[in-house]
Amino acid sequence: MSVKQIAILFSGEGSNMEVLIKKLHQKRFDDFEVEVVAAITNKPDAKGIKKADDLGIDVIMIDHKSYDSREAFDMKLVETLQDLDVDLTILAGFMRILTPVFTDTIKAINIHPALLPLYKGADALKRSFEGKETTAGVTAHLVVSEVDGGEMVLQKSFDKTGMDFDTFEEKIHACEHEIFPKAVIKVLQNLH
């Protein structure tokens, strides 16, 4: 049985990271097992650090403020991921726009709190809530140089009619926690 190694990038609370670790780490899927080899954050005060520590996952700190450019930071990230020899990198609330230095080199997946191609980029959750559509949801997609422009892996939608913002936000997070692990497995199954 093969082992597929993944790294999770996060910047804040780490709620998606925590779900991914609990649902994937050292679990078997088809003919492979998943190993979360590291959680990487760009923020020294990220609350997710404690969550990763509590779950026994090594945390690597790469503070983006220590680098002169996005490209220099991304190069350090790429070097770190290559040293870890990961099969897939997961962006779980990683609040950085990545340059081609990263996107042209690293196979990665992200979760977005809207039904892409709607509401790409920042503040998507708020914009999706305020949008005129009655349906909202989340999208897991591959990471490319265009922000939120990569190939869709999975989506989950729901009817937002009559929801207040807090209920809407809870539903978005529940959808993320449901489909993100499935999307990661789907991508890993298709890796050769």
Protein backbone atom coordinates (compact mmCIF):
# COMPACT_ATOMS: atom_id res chain seq x y z
CA MET A 1 0.00 0.00 0.00
CA SER A 2 1.36 3.41 -0.94
CA VAL A 3 1.43 6.50 1.23
CA LYS A 4 0.34 9.86 -0.16
CA GLN A 5 2.00 12.72 1.69
CA ILE A 6 0.21 16.03 2.06
CA ALA A 7 1.02 19.39 3.62
CA ILE A 8 -1.62 21.86 4.76
CA LEU A 9 -1.11 25.62 4.50
CA PHE A 10 -3.13 27.87 6.83
CA SER A 11 -3.11 31.45 8.13
CA GLY A 12 -5.73 31.67 10.85
CA GLU A 13 -8.08 29.59 12.99
CA GLY A 14 -7.25 26.35 11.21
CA SER A 15 -10.78 24.92 11.33
CA ASN A 16 -10.55 23.40 7.83
CA MET A 17 -7.04 22.16 8.61
CA GLU A 18 -8.29 20.49 11.79
CA VAL A 19 -11.10 18.71 9.91
CA LEU A 20 -8.69 17.57 7.19
CA ILE A 21 -6.21 16.16 9.72
CA LYS A 22 -8.96 14.31 11.62
CA LYS A 23 -10.56 12.86 8.48
CA LEU A 24 -7.43 12.09 6.45
CA HIS A 25 -4.26 11.69 8.56
CA GLN A 26 -3.12 8.04 8.78
CA LYS A 27 -6.40 6.86 7.21
CA ARG A 28 -6.63 4.39 4.36
CA PHE A 29 -8.45 5.12 1.09
CA ASP A 30 -8.58 2.52 -1.70
CA ASP A 31 -4.95 1.46 -2.15
CA PHE A 32 -3.23 4.28 -0.28
CA GLU A 33 -2.88 5.86 3.14
CA VAL A 34 -2.72 9.61 3.71
CA GLU A 35 0.00 11.14 5.84
CA VAL A 36 -0.15 14.82 6.85
CA VAL A 37 3.58 15.52 7.02
CA ALA A 38 3.33 19.17 8.08
CA ALA A 39 1.12 22.17 8.60
CA ILE A 40 2.68 25.39 7.32
CA THR A 41 1.61 28.85 8.39
CA ASN A 42 2.70 32.33 7.39
CA LYS A 43 1.46 33.92 10.64
CA PRO A 44 3.35 33.46 13.92
CA ASP A 45 0.15 34.11 15.91
CA ALA A 46 -2.20 31.85 13.89
CA LYS A 47 -4.63 30.10 16.24
CA GLY A 48 -4.38 26.96 14.09
CA ILE A 49 -0.83 26.32 15.35
CA LYS A 50 -2.20 24.95 18.63
CA LYS A 51 -4.75 22.80 16.78
CA ALA A 52 -2.02 21.21 14.63
CA ASP A 53 0.23 20.73 17.68
CA ASP A 54 -2.63 19.11 19.62
CA LEU A 55 -3.17 16.68 16.72
CA GLY A 56 0.53 15.75 16.60
CA ILE A 57 1.30 17.48 13.30
CA ASP A 58 4.59 19.35 12.86
CA VAL A 59 4.08 23.07 12.27
CA ILE A 60 6.47 25.01 10.07
CA MET A 61 6.49 28.80 10.35
CA ILE A 62 7.40 30.81 7.25
CA ASP A 63 6.56 34.42 8.06
CA HIS A 64 5.84 36.23 4.81
CA LYS A 65 6.93 39.50 6.44
CA SER A 66 10.51 38.18 6.48
CA TYR A 67 10.68 38.22 2.67
CA ASP A 68 11.21 41.16 0.30
CA SER A 69 8.71 39.98 -2.30
CA ARG A 70 5.86 37.55 -2.90
CA GLU A 71 8.16 35.58 -5.18
CA ALA A 72 10.87 35.26 -2.52
CA PHE A 73 8.30 34.01 0.00
CA ASP A 74 6.82 31.60 -2.55
CA MET A 75 10.30 30.25 -3.37
CA LYS A 76 10.87 29.43 0.31
CA LEU A 77 7.45 27.75 0.40
CA VAL A 78 8.27 25.70 -2.72
CA GLU A 79 11.67 24.66 -1.31
CA THR A 80 10.04 23.61 1.97
CA LEU A 81 7.34 21.56 0.22
CA GLN A 82 9.91 19.92 -2.08
CA ASP A 83 12.07 19.04 0.94
CA LEU A 84 8.99 17.44 2.53
CA ASP A 85 8.38 15.50 -0.71
CA VAL A 86 4.61 16.04 -0.63
CA ASP A 87 2.25 14.65 -3.24
CA LEU A 88 -0.34 17.39 -2.72
CA THR A 89 -0.47 20.74 -0.91
CA ILE A 90 -3.75 21.90 0.60
CA LEU A 91 -4.63 25.56 1.08
CA ALA A 92 -6.94 25.62 4.08
CA GLY A 93 -7.52 29.27 4.86
CA PHE A 94 -4.10 30.28 3.58
CA MET A 95 -4.52 34.02 3.07
CA ARG A 96 -1.83 34.68 0.48
CA ILE A 97 -2.09 35.23 -3.25
CA LEU A 98 0.46 32.85 -4.68
CA THR A 99 2.68 33.71 -7.64
CA PRO A 100 3.63 31.45 -10.57
CA VAL A 101 6.82 30.61 -8.59
CA PHE A 102 4.44 28.46 -6.51
CA THR A 103 1.54 27.73 -8.88
CA ASP A 104 3.74 26.51 -11.75
CA THR A 105 5.65 24.12 -9.48
CA ILE A 106 3.38 22.80 -6.73
CA LYS A 107 0.24 20.66 -7.13
CA ALA A 108 -2.27 22.25 -4.76
CA ILE A 109 -5.98 22.36 -3.96
CA ASN A 110 -8.00 25.13 -2.30
CA ILE A 111 -11.52 25.56 -0.91
CA HIS A 112 -13.50 28.69 -1.77
CA PRO A 113 -16.63 29.88 0.07
CA ALA A 114 -18.67 30.51 -3.10
CA LEU A 115 -19.86 28.67 -6.18
CA LEU A 116 -17.09 29.45 -8.61
CA PRO A 117 -16.81 31.04 -11.08
CA LEU A 118 -18.91 33.49 -9.02
CA TYR A 119 -17.21 35.68 -6.42
CA LYS A 120 -13.55 34.91 -7.04
CA GLY A 121 -11.03 36.52 -4.71
CA ALA A 122 -11.34 38.23 -1.34
CA ASP A 123 -14.51 38.62 0.76
CA ALA A 124 -16.23 35.89 -1.26
CA LEU A 125 -18.33 34.72 1.68
CA LYS A 126 -19.80 38.18 2.26
CA ARG A 127 -20.25 38.84 -1.47
CA SER A 128 -21.94 35.46 -1.96
CA PHE A 129 -24.30 36.15 0.95
CA GLU A 130 -25.20 39.57 -0.46
CA GLY A 131 -25.50 38.31 -4.05
CA LYS A 132 -28.91 38.10 -5.75
CA GLU A 133 -28.68 34.33 -6.35
CA THR A 134 -30.85 32.10 -4.15
CA THR A 135 -28.25 29.32 -4.29
CA ALA A 136 -24.85 29.56 -2.62
CA GLY A 137 -22.15 27.06 -1.71
CA VAL A 138 -18.49 26.14 -1.77
CA THR A 139 -16.01 25.00 -4.40
CA ALA A 140 -12.88 22.87 -4.04
CA HIS A 141 -10.55 23.64 -6.94
CA LEU A 142 -6.99 23.17 -8.12
CA VAL A 143 -4.65 26.10 -7.59
CA VAL A 144 -3.37 27.97 -10.65
CA SER A 145 -1.86 31.43 -11.13
CA GLU A 146 -5.29 33.00 -11.74
CA VAL A 147 -6.91 33.55 -8.32
CA ASP A 148 -9.70 30.96 -7.84
CA GLY A 149 -9.37 30.07 -11.51
CA GLY A 150 -8.27 26.45 -11.31
CA GLU A 151 -10.16 23.36 -12.40
CA MET A 152 -13.13 22.57 -10.15
CA VAL A 153 -12.82 19.32 -8.17
CA LEU A 154 -16.09 19.37 -6.16
CA GLN A 155 -18.90 21.79 -5.34
CA LYS A 156 -21.70 21.72 -2.80
CA SER A 157 -24.63 24.12 -2.93
CA PHE A 158 -27.62 25.03 -0.79
CA ASP A 159 -30.61 27.37 -0.87
CA LYS A 160 -29.77 30.52 1.10
CA THR A 161 -33.26 32.02 1.01
CA GLY A 162 -34.19 33.66 4.30
CA MET A 163 -30.84 33.03 6.02
CA ASP A 164 -29.19 35.65 8.19
CA PHE A 165 -25.44 36.09 7.80
CA ASP A 166 -24.45 34.00 10.84
CA THR A 167 -26.55 31.03 9.68
CA PHE A 168 -25.19 31.43 6.15
CA GLU A 169 -21.59 31.46 7.39
CA GLU A 170 -22.18 28.33 9.52
CA LYS A 171 -23.68 26.55 6.50
CA ILE A 172 -20.72 27.54 4.30
CA HIS A 173 -18.26 26.15 6.87
CA ALA A 174 -20.29 22.93 7.25
CA CYS A 175 -20.17 22.48 3.46
CA GLU A 176 -16.42 23.13 3.40
CA HIS A 177 -15.84 20.56 6.15
CA GLU A 178 -17.95 18.03 4.25
CA ILE A 179 -16.48 18.30 0.75
CA PHE A 180 -12.87 19.39 1.27
CA PRO A 181 -11.63 15.99 2.55
CA LYS A 182 -13.53 14.27 -0.31
CA ALA A 183 -11.96 16.62 -2.85
CA VAL A 184 -8.46 15.94 -1.49
CA ILE A 185 -9.02 12.18 -1.79
CA LYS A 186 -10.38 12.61 -5.34
CA VAL A 187 -7.24 14.50 -6.39
CA LEU A 188 -4.92 11.99 -4.65
CA GLN A 189 -6.67 9.10 -6.41
CA ASN A 190 -5.88 10.70 -9.76
CA LEU A 191 -2.19 11.29 -9.01
CA HIS A 192 0.23 8.89 -10.61
